[in-house]
């Protein structure tokens, strides 16, 4: 089954050669029109929740937010209960954690909304954030670490250094 994102990647591969795993993830997840998380912003259905593809921990049970807030409260006390205490959430999406963190300044940051504050005192929280970042894939072979790349077919492809990608 071909998808618009797959066709876009196949065109890039045909024109420029193999793409890195990072590029694949960027297109698959965050392409402005065809990326999984961006597509949801325009579609009537949300990928999260009962009618979506999955639930986040806070959508399933508020105990997750309660427990995270309890841990952050411990950190807040260990820091001497600063007057200006902030919780920054990376990958907030639909910020379900806002209620759990309501006793502090809460800054939700997502790909299209919110900015990291230049300076703040508090904690950075993330849940299911790092697993959705475009990353490099590499395999250690023969004393080196070439980046893995893929062509259109599932096979190893030559890399710039003459090695074959995973």
N, C-alpha and C. Protein backbone atom coordinates (compact mmCIF):
# COMPACT_ATOMS: atom_id res chain seq x y z
N UNK A 1 0.85 -1.18 0.00
CA UNK A 1 0.00 0.00 0.00
C UNK A 1 0.89 1.24 0.00
N UNK A 2 0.67 2.10 -0.93
CA UNK A 2 1.45 3.33 -1.02
C UNK A 2 0.69 4.46 -0.34
N UNK A 3 1.42 5.25 0.42
CA UNK A 3 0.84 6.40 1.09
C UNK A 3 1.43 7.66 0.48
N UNK A 4 0.79 8.82 0.67
CA UNK A 4 1.40 10.06 0.18
C UNK A 4 2.79 10.31 0.74
N UNK A 5 3.00 9.99 2.02
CA UNK A 5 4.33 10.16 2.61
C UNK A 5 5.32 9.20 1.96
N UNK A 6 4.89 7.97 1.69
CA UNK A 6 5.74 7.00 1.02
C UNK A 6 6.11 7.44 -0.38
N UNK A 7 5.15 8.01 -1.09
CA UNK A 7 5.43 8.52 -2.43
C UNK A 7 6.41 9.68 -2.39
N UNK A 8 6.26 10.55 -1.41
CA UNK A 8 7.19 11.67 -1.25
C UNK A 8 8.61 11.16 -1.01
N UNK A 9 8.74 10.18 -0.12
CA UNK A 9 10.06 9.62 0.17
C UNK A 9 10.63 8.88 -1.05
N UNK A 10 9.79 8.14 -1.77
CA UNK A 10 10.25 7.44 -2.96
C UNK A 10 10.77 8.44 -3.99
N UNK A 11 10.10 9.58 -4.13
CA UNK A 11 10.56 10.63 -5.05
C UNK A 11 11.91 11.18 -4.63
N UNK A 12 12.09 11.42 -3.32
CA UNK A 12 13.38 11.91 -2.82
C UNK A 12 14.48 10.90 -3.08
N UNK A 13 14.18 9.64 -2.82
CA UNK A 13 15.16 8.58 -3.02
C UNK A 13 15.53 8.46 -4.49
N UNK A 14 14.52 8.52 -5.36
CA UNK A 14 14.79 8.45 -6.79
C UNK A 14 15.64 9.61 -7.28
N UNK A 15 15.43 10.76 -6.71
CA UNK A 15 16.15 11.97 -7.13
C UNK A 15 17.52 12.10 -6.47
N UNK A 16 17.59 11.82 -5.14
CA UNK A 16 18.81 12.11 -4.37
C UNK A 16 19.51 10.88 -3.82
N UNK A 17 18.93 9.71 -3.95
CA UNK A 17 19.53 8.51 -3.38
C UNK A 17 18.93 8.20 -2.01
N UNK A 18 19.50 7.23 -1.32
CA UNK A 18 18.95 6.76 -0.04
C UNK A 18 18.74 7.89 0.97
N UNK A 19 17.73 7.72 1.79
CA UNK A 19 17.46 8.68 2.86
C UNK A 19 17.85 8.05 4.19
N UNK A 20 18.20 8.89 5.15
CA UNK A 20 18.54 8.40 6.48
C UNK A 20 17.26 8.04 7.23
N UNK A 21 17.43 7.26 8.28
CA UNK A 21 16.30 6.92 9.12
C UNK A 21 15.67 8.19 9.71
N UNK A 22 16.52 9.14 10.05
CA UNK A 22 16.04 10.42 10.58
C UNK A 22 15.08 11.10 9.59
N UNK A 23 15.47 11.14 8.32
CA UNK A 23 14.61 11.77 7.31
C UNK A 23 13.31 11.00 7.17
N UNK A 24 13.39 9.69 7.19
CA UNK A 24 12.18 8.87 7.12
C UNK A 24 11.22 9.24 8.25
N UNK A 25 11.75 9.32 9.49
CA UNK A 25 10.91 9.65 10.63
C UNK A 25 10.34 11.07 10.53
N UNK A 26 11.17 12.01 10.06
CA UNK A 26 10.68 13.39 9.90
C UNK A 26 9.46 13.43 9.00
N UNK A 27 9.53 12.76 7.87
CA UNK A 27 8.41 12.76 6.93
C UNK A 27 7.23 11.98 7.50
N UNK A 28 7.49 10.79 8.00
CA UNK A 28 6.41 9.94 8.50
C UNK A 28 5.64 10.59 9.66
N UNK A 29 6.34 11.29 10.53
CA UNK A 29 5.68 11.84 11.71
C UNK A 29 5.31 13.32 11.59
N UNK A 30 6.17 14.12 10.93
CA UNK A 30 6.00 15.57 11.03
C UNK A 30 5.89 16.33 9.72
N UNK A 31 5.81 15.65 8.58
CA UNK A 31 5.65 16.37 7.31
C UNK A 31 4.38 17.22 7.41
N UNK A 32 4.44 18.43 6.88
CA UNK A 32 3.35 19.40 7.03
C UNK A 32 2.00 18.87 6.55
N UNK A 33 1.98 18.07 5.50
CA UNK A 33 0.70 17.55 4.98
C UNK A 33 0.47 16.08 5.32
N UNK A 34 1.51 15.27 5.30
CA UNK A 34 1.33 13.83 5.38
C UNK A 34 1.85 13.20 6.66
N UNK A 35 2.50 13.95 7.52
CA UNK A 35 3.04 13.40 8.76
C UNK A 35 1.94 13.00 9.73
N UNK A 36 2.15 11.92 10.43
CA UNK A 36 1.15 11.38 11.34
C UNK A 36 0.62 12.42 12.33
N UNK A 37 1.52 13.12 13.01
CA UNK A 37 1.07 14.08 14.02
C UNK A 37 0.54 15.36 13.41
N UNK A 38 0.98 15.76 12.25
CA UNK A 38 0.50 16.98 11.60
C UNK A 38 -0.83 16.74 10.92
N UNK A 39 -0.99 15.59 10.32
CA UNK A 39 -2.23 15.25 9.62
C UNK A 39 -3.42 15.35 10.56
N UNK A 40 -3.21 14.96 11.79
CA UNK A 40 -4.29 14.98 12.78
C UNK A 40 -4.81 16.38 13.04
N UNK A 41 -3.97 17.39 12.83
CA UNK A 41 -4.40 18.77 13.10
C UNK A 41 -5.44 19.23 12.10
N UNK A 42 -5.44 18.62 10.90
CA UNK A 42 -6.39 19.03 9.87
C UNK A 42 -7.57 18.08 9.75
N UNK A 43 -7.38 16.86 10.20
CA UNK A 43 -8.43 15.85 10.06
C UNK A 43 -9.46 16.00 11.18
N UNK A 44 -10.69 15.57 10.90
CA UNK A 44 -11.71 15.65 11.95
C UNK A 44 -11.45 14.69 13.10
N UNK A 45 -10.63 13.66 12.88
CA UNK A 45 -10.38 12.71 13.97
C UNK A 45 -9.02 12.98 14.60
N UNK A 46 -8.97 12.83 15.89
CA UNK A 46 -7.76 13.01 16.68
C UNK A 46 -7.09 11.64 16.80
N UNK A 47 -5.75 11.52 16.65
CA UNK A 47 -5.13 10.20 16.77
C UNK A 47 -5.15 9.67 18.19
N UNK A 48 -5.47 10.52 19.17
CA UNK A 48 -5.48 10.12 20.57
C UNK A 48 -6.90 9.80 21.01
N UNK A 49 -7.04 8.95 21.98
CA UNK A 49 -8.31 8.73 22.62
C UNK A 49 -9.16 7.63 22.01
N UNK A 50 -10.41 7.59 22.42
CA UNK A 50 -11.34 6.51 22.09
C UNK A 50 -11.47 6.26 20.58
N UNK A 51 -11.53 7.31 19.79
CA UNK A 51 -11.71 7.14 18.35
C UNK A 51 -10.40 7.28 17.57
N UNK A 52 -9.31 7.37 18.27
CA UNK A 52 -8.01 7.52 17.63
C UNK A 52 -7.24 6.21 17.57
N UNK A 53 -5.95 6.33 17.41
CA UNK A 53 -5.09 5.15 17.30
C UNK A 53 -4.57 4.66 18.64
N UNK A 54 -4.50 5.53 19.63
CA UNK A 54 -3.95 5.13 20.93
C UNK A 54 -4.37 6.11 22.01
N UNK A 55 -4.17 5.71 23.25
CA UNK A 55 -4.41 6.55 24.42
C UNK A 55 -3.06 6.94 25.01
N UNK A 56 -2.99 8.12 25.59
CA UNK A 56 -1.81 8.45 26.40
C UNK A 56 -2.15 8.04 27.83
N UNK A 57 -1.14 7.96 28.68
CA UNK A 57 -1.33 7.50 30.05
C UNK A 57 -2.36 8.35 30.79
N UNK A 58 -2.33 9.66 30.62
CA UNK A 58 -3.25 10.55 31.33
C UNK A 58 -4.67 10.39 30.82
N UNK A 59 -4.85 10.03 29.56
CA UNK A 59 -6.20 9.82 29.04
C UNK A 59 -6.84 8.56 29.61
N UNK A 60 -6.01 7.59 29.95
CA UNK A 60 -6.53 6.33 30.49
C UNK A 60 -6.95 6.46 31.95
N UNK A 61 -6.15 7.18 32.72
CA UNK A 61 -6.39 7.21 34.15
C UNK A 61 -5.69 8.45 34.74
N UNK A 62 -6.39 9.27 35.49
CA UNK A 62 -5.75 10.46 36.05
C UNK A 62 -4.67 10.16 37.09
N UNK A 63 -4.55 8.90 37.51
CA UNK A 63 -3.54 8.57 38.51
C UNK A 63 -2.14 8.89 37.99
N UNK A 64 -1.90 8.79 36.70
CA UNK A 64 -0.59 9.11 36.14
C UNK A 64 -0.24 10.57 36.44
N UNK A 65 -1.16 11.47 36.16
CA UNK A 65 -0.93 12.89 36.45
C UNK A 65 -0.78 13.16 37.93
N UNK A 66 -1.56 12.47 38.73
CA UNK A 66 -1.48 12.64 40.18
C UNK A 66 -0.10 12.21 40.69
N UNK A 67 0.39 11.07 40.20
CA UNK A 67 1.70 10.59 40.63
C UNK A 67 2.83 11.48 40.13
N UNK A 68 2.74 11.95 38.90
CA UNK A 68 3.78 12.84 38.37
C UNK A 68 3.78 14.16 39.15
N UNK A 69 2.61 14.68 39.45
CA UNK A 69 2.54 15.92 40.23
C UNK A 69 3.11 15.70 41.63
N UNK A 70 2.89 14.54 42.22
CA UNK A 70 3.44 14.25 43.55
C UNK A 70 4.97 14.26 43.50
N UNK A 71 5.54 13.68 42.46
CA UNK A 71 7.00 13.67 42.33
C UNK A 71 7.53 15.09 42.10
N UNK A 72 6.85 15.84 41.26
CA UNK A 72 7.28 17.22 41.01
C UNK A 72 7.14 18.06 42.28
N UNK A 73 6.12 17.79 43.06
CA UNK A 73 5.95 18.49 44.35
C UNK A 73 7.14 18.20 45.27
N UNK A 74 7.64 16.97 45.27
CA UNK A 74 8.83 16.64 46.06
C UNK A 74 10.03 17.45 45.58
N UNK A 75 10.21 17.52 44.28
CA UNK A 75 11.32 18.30 43.72
C UNK A 75 11.17 19.78 44.08
N UNK A 76 9.95 20.28 44.00
CA UNK A 76 9.65 21.67 44.35
C UNK A 76 10.07 21.95 45.80
N UNK A 77 9.75 21.05 46.69
CA UNK A 77 10.14 21.21 48.10
C UNK A 77 11.64 21.13 48.28
N UNK A 78 12.29 20.17 47.58
CA UNK A 78 13.74 20.03 47.66
C UNK A 78 14.45 21.27 47.15
N UNK A 79 13.80 22.01 46.24
CA UNK A 79 14.39 23.24 45.70
C UNK A 79 14.08 24.44 46.59
N UNK A 80 13.44 24.21 47.74
CA UNK A 80 13.14 25.30 48.66
C UNK A 80 11.86 26.03 48.36
N UNK A 81 10.95 25.42 47.62
CA UNK A 81 9.65 25.98 47.26
C UNK A 81 9.77 27.38 46.65
N UNK A 82 10.50 27.49 45.56
CA UNK A 82 10.67 28.81 44.93
C UNK A 82 9.33 29.41 44.49
N UNK A 83 9.23 30.72 44.66
CA UNK A 83 7.99 31.43 44.30
C UNK A 83 7.68 31.28 42.82
N UNK A 84 8.68 31.40 41.99
CA UNK A 84 8.54 31.27 40.54
C UNK A 84 8.95 29.86 40.13
N UNK A 85 8.04 28.90 40.18
CA UNK A 85 8.34 27.52 39.84
C UNK A 85 7.54 27.16 38.60
N UNK A 86 8.21 26.56 37.62
CA UNK A 86 7.59 26.28 36.33
C UNK A 86 7.76 24.82 35.96
N UNK A 87 6.71 24.25 35.39
CA UNK A 87 6.78 22.91 34.80
C UNK A 87 6.65 23.09 33.30
N UNK A 88 7.68 22.69 32.57
CA UNK A 88 7.68 22.74 31.11
C UNK A 88 7.45 21.31 30.63
N UNK A 89 6.42 21.12 29.82
CA UNK A 89 6.15 19.79 29.28
C UNK A 89 6.53 19.75 27.81
N UNK A 90 7.46 18.88 27.47
CA UNK A 90 7.87 18.69 26.08
C UNK A 90 6.97 17.65 25.43
N UNK A 91 6.50 17.96 24.23
CA UNK A 91 5.61 17.05 23.52
C UNK A 91 4.23 17.00 24.14
N UNK A 92 3.72 18.16 24.53
CA UNK A 92 2.46 18.24 25.26
C UNK A 92 1.26 17.79 24.43
N UNK A 93 1.32 17.93 23.10
CA UNK A 93 0.18 17.54 22.27
C UNK A 93 -1.07 18.23 22.75
N UNK A 94 -2.08 17.45 23.09
CA UNK A 94 -3.27 18.00 23.74
C UNK A 94 -2.96 17.93 25.24
N UNK A 95 -2.69 19.04 25.86
CA UNK A 95 -2.04 19.04 27.19
C UNK A 95 -2.91 18.50 28.33
N UNK A 96 -3.09 17.19 28.35
CA UNK A 96 -3.86 16.56 29.42
C UNK A 96 -3.24 16.76 30.79
N UNK A 97 -1.94 16.97 30.85
CA UNK A 97 -1.26 17.10 32.14
C UNK A 97 -1.46 18.48 32.78
N UNK A 98 -2.05 19.40 32.05
CA UNK A 98 -2.23 20.77 32.56
C UNK A 98 -2.94 20.78 33.91
N UNK A 99 -3.97 20.01 34.06
CA UNK A 99 -4.72 20.00 35.33
C UNK A 99 -3.84 19.45 36.46
N UNK A 100 -3.10 18.39 36.18
CA UNK A 100 -2.25 17.79 37.22
C UNK A 100 -1.17 18.77 37.68
N UNK A 101 -0.72 19.64 36.79
CA UNK A 101 0.35 20.57 37.11
C UNK A 101 -0.17 21.98 37.40
N UNK A 102 -1.43 22.11 37.69
CA UNK A 102 -2.06 23.43 37.81
C UNK A 102 -1.59 24.26 39.01
N UNK A 103 -0.92 23.67 39.96
CA UNK A 103 -0.45 24.47 41.11
C UNK A 103 0.80 25.28 40.79
N UNK A 104 1.38 25.06 39.61
CA UNK A 104 2.58 25.78 39.19
C UNK A 104 2.33 26.43 37.84
N UNK A 105 3.25 27.29 37.44
CA UNK A 105 3.19 27.80 36.07
C UNK A 105 3.47 26.62 35.15
N UNK A 106 2.62 26.42 34.18
CA UNK A 106 2.72 25.26 33.28
C UNK A 106 2.90 25.78 31.86
N UNK A 107 3.95 25.30 31.20
CA UNK A 107 4.22 25.70 29.82
C UNK A 107 4.24 24.45 28.94
N UNK A 108 3.18 24.22 28.15
CA UNK A 108 3.18 23.10 27.23
C UNK A 108 3.94 23.46 25.96
N UNK A 109 4.84 22.60 25.53
CA UNK A 109 5.62 22.84 24.32
C UNK A 109 5.39 21.66 23.38
N UNK A 110 5.00 21.97 22.16
CA UNK A 110 4.81 20.94 21.15
C UNK A 110 5.40 21.44 19.84
N UNK A 111 5.39 20.62 18.83
CA UNK A 111 6.07 20.97 17.58
C UNK A 111 5.54 22.28 16.97
N UNK A 112 4.26 22.55 17.11
CA UNK A 112 3.68 23.75 16.52
C UNK A 112 3.24 24.79 17.52
N UNK A 113 3.46 24.54 18.79
CA UNK A 113 2.97 25.50 19.78
C UNK A 113 3.89 25.56 20.98
N UNK A 114 3.92 26.71 21.56
CA UNK A 114 4.73 26.91 22.76
C UNK A 114 6.21 27.01 22.45
N UNK A 115 6.91 27.68 23.31
CA UNK A 115 8.36 27.82 23.18
C UNK A 115 9.00 27.51 24.51
N UNK A 116 10.20 26.96 24.44
CA UNK A 116 10.95 26.78 25.67
C UNK A 116 11.27 28.15 26.24
N UNK A 117 11.05 28.34 27.52
CA UNK A 117 11.43 29.63 28.11
C UNK A 117 12.95 29.77 28.10
N UNK A 118 13.41 31.00 27.91
CA UNK A 118 14.86 31.24 27.91
C UNK A 118 15.46 30.92 29.27
N UNK A 119 14.71 31.21 30.30
CA UNK A 119 15.21 31.00 31.66
C UNK A 119 14.01 30.67 32.54
N UNK A 120 14.16 29.65 33.38
CA UNK A 120 13.10 29.33 34.32
C UNK A 120 13.68 28.48 35.44
N UNK A 121 12.93 28.41 36.50
CA UNK A 121 13.31 27.56 37.63
C UNK A 121 12.18 26.56 37.81
N UNK A 122 12.54 25.30 37.70
CA UNK A 122 11.51 24.27 37.82
C UNK A 122 11.97 22.98 37.18
N UNK A 123 11.05 22.29 36.54
CA UNK A 123 11.35 21.00 35.94
C UNK A 123 10.88 20.93 34.50
N UNK A 124 11.52 20.05 33.76
CA UNK A 124 11.07 19.71 32.40
C UNK A 124 10.51 18.31 32.48
N UNK A 125 9.30 18.15 32.02
CA UNK A 125 8.61 16.86 32.04
C UNK A 125 8.33 16.44 30.61
N UNK A 126 8.47 15.16 30.34
CA UNK A 126 8.04 14.64 29.04
C UNK A 126 7.59 13.20 29.20
N UNK A 127 6.60 12.84 28.44
CA UNK A 127 6.09 11.48 28.42
C UNK A 127 5.85 11.14 26.95
N UNK A 128 6.41 10.05 26.50
CA UNK A 128 6.24 9.66 25.11
C UNK A 128 6.72 10.74 24.16
N UNK A 129 7.79 11.41 24.52
CA UNK A 129 8.34 12.48 23.68
C UNK A 129 9.55 12.00 22.91
N UNK A 130 10.52 11.43 23.60
CA UNK A 130 11.76 11.05 22.95
C UNK A 130 11.58 9.91 21.96
N UNK A 131 10.55 9.08 22.16
CA UNK A 131 10.32 8.00 21.20
C UNK A 131 9.72 8.49 19.90
N UNK A 132 9.35 9.76 19.82
CA UNK A 132 8.78 10.31 18.59
C UNK A 132 9.69 11.35 17.95
N UNK A 133 10.96 11.37 18.32
CA UNK A 133 11.91 12.30 17.72
C UNK A 133 12.60 11.63 16.52
N UNK A 134 12.79 12.37 15.45
CA UNK A 134 13.61 11.83 14.36
C UNK A 134 15.05 11.65 14.87
N UNK A 135 15.57 10.47 14.71
CA UNK A 135 16.92 10.16 15.21
C UNK A 135 17.75 9.53 14.10
N UNK A 136 19.03 9.52 14.31
CA UNK A 136 19.92 8.81 13.40
C UNK A 136 19.98 7.34 13.81
N UNK A 137 20.11 6.47 12.85
CA UNK A 137 20.31 5.05 13.12
C UNK A 137 21.69 4.68 12.60
N UNK A 138 22.44 3.94 13.39
CA UNK A 138 23.79 3.57 13.00
C UNK A 138 24.09 2.18 13.51
N UNK A 139 24.99 1.52 12.82
CA UNK A 139 25.42 0.19 13.21
C UNK A 139 26.94 0.19 13.27
N UNK A 140 27.51 -0.27 14.38
CA UNK A 140 28.96 -0.33 14.52
C UNK A 140 29.45 -1.55 13.75
N UNK A 141 30.30 -1.31 12.75
CA UNK A 141 30.87 -2.39 11.95
C UNK A 141 32.29 -2.04 11.57
N UNK A 142 33.16 -3.02 11.67
CA UNK A 142 34.54 -2.86 11.20
C UNK A 142 35.21 -1.60 11.74
N UNK A 143 34.98 -1.31 13.01
CA UNK A 143 35.63 -0.18 13.65
C UNK A 143 35.04 1.17 13.31
N UNK A 144 33.90 1.22 12.66
CA UNK A 144 33.29 2.50 12.32
C UNK A 144 31.79 2.47 12.52
N UNK A 145 31.19 3.63 12.43
CA UNK A 145 29.75 3.75 12.63
C UNK A 145 29.15 4.54 11.47
N UNK A 146 28.89 3.88 10.35
CA UNK A 146 28.23 4.59 9.25
C UNK A 146 26.75 4.79 9.56
N UNK A 147 26.18 5.88 9.08
CA UNK A 147 24.75 6.10 9.25
C UNK A 147 24.00 5.10 8.39
N UNK A 148 22.91 4.61 8.90
CA UNK A 148 22.08 3.71 8.13
C UNK A 148 21.19 4.53 7.21
N UNK A 149 20.94 4.01 6.03
CA UNK A 149 20.05 4.67 5.08
C UNK A 149 19.30 3.60 4.31
N UNK A 150 18.19 4.00 3.73
CA UNK A 150 17.37 3.07 2.98
C UNK A 150 17.04 3.64 1.61
N UNK A 151 16.98 2.74 0.66
CA UNK A 151 16.47 3.07 -0.66
C UNK A 151 15.00 2.69 -0.69
N UNK A 152 14.44 2.58 -1.87
CA UNK A 152 13.03 2.24 -1.99
C UNK A 152 12.79 0.78 -1.63
N UNK A 153 13.67 -0.11 -2.06
CA UNK A 153 13.53 -1.53 -1.72
C UNK A 153 14.20 -1.79 -0.39
N UNK A 154 13.77 -2.82 0.29
CA UNK A 154 14.37 -3.19 1.58
C UNK A 154 15.66 -3.96 1.32
N UNK A 155 16.73 -3.22 1.14
CA UNK A 155 18.04 -3.84 0.94
C UNK A 155 19.10 -2.86 1.39
N UNK A 156 20.26 -3.39 1.66
CA UNK A 156 21.37 -2.51 2.04
C UNK A 156 21.76 -1.67 0.85
N UNK A 157 22.12 -0.43 1.10
CA UNK A 157 22.49 0.49 0.03
C UNK A 157 23.86 1.07 0.32
N UNK A 158 24.64 1.37 -0.73
CA UNK A 158 25.97 1.95 -0.49
C UNK A 158 25.88 3.32 0.17
N UNK A 159 26.76 3.58 1.12
CA UNK A 159 26.84 4.87 1.78
C UNK A 159 27.97 5.68 1.15
N UNK A 160 28.06 6.93 1.50
CA UNK A 160 29.07 7.84 0.94
C UNK A 160 30.49 7.33 1.19
N UNK A 161 30.69 6.62 2.32
CA UNK A 161 32.04 6.14 2.65
C UNK A 161 32.33 4.78 2.04
N UNK A 162 31.45 4.27 1.16
CA UNK A 162 31.68 3.01 0.50
C UNK A 162 31.13 1.80 1.24
N UNK A 163 30.72 1.98 2.49
CA UNK A 163 30.15 0.88 3.25
C UNK A 163 28.68 0.70 2.82
N UNK A 164 28.07 -0.32 3.32
CA UNK A 164 26.66 -0.55 2.98
C UNK A 164 25.82 -0.25 4.22
N UNK A 165 24.75 0.52 4.02
CA UNK A 165 23.85 0.85 5.13
C UNK A 165 23.10 -0.37 5.60
N UNK A 166 22.63 -0.29 6.85
CA UNK A 166 21.92 -1.43 7.45
C UNK A 166 20.53 -1.57 6.87
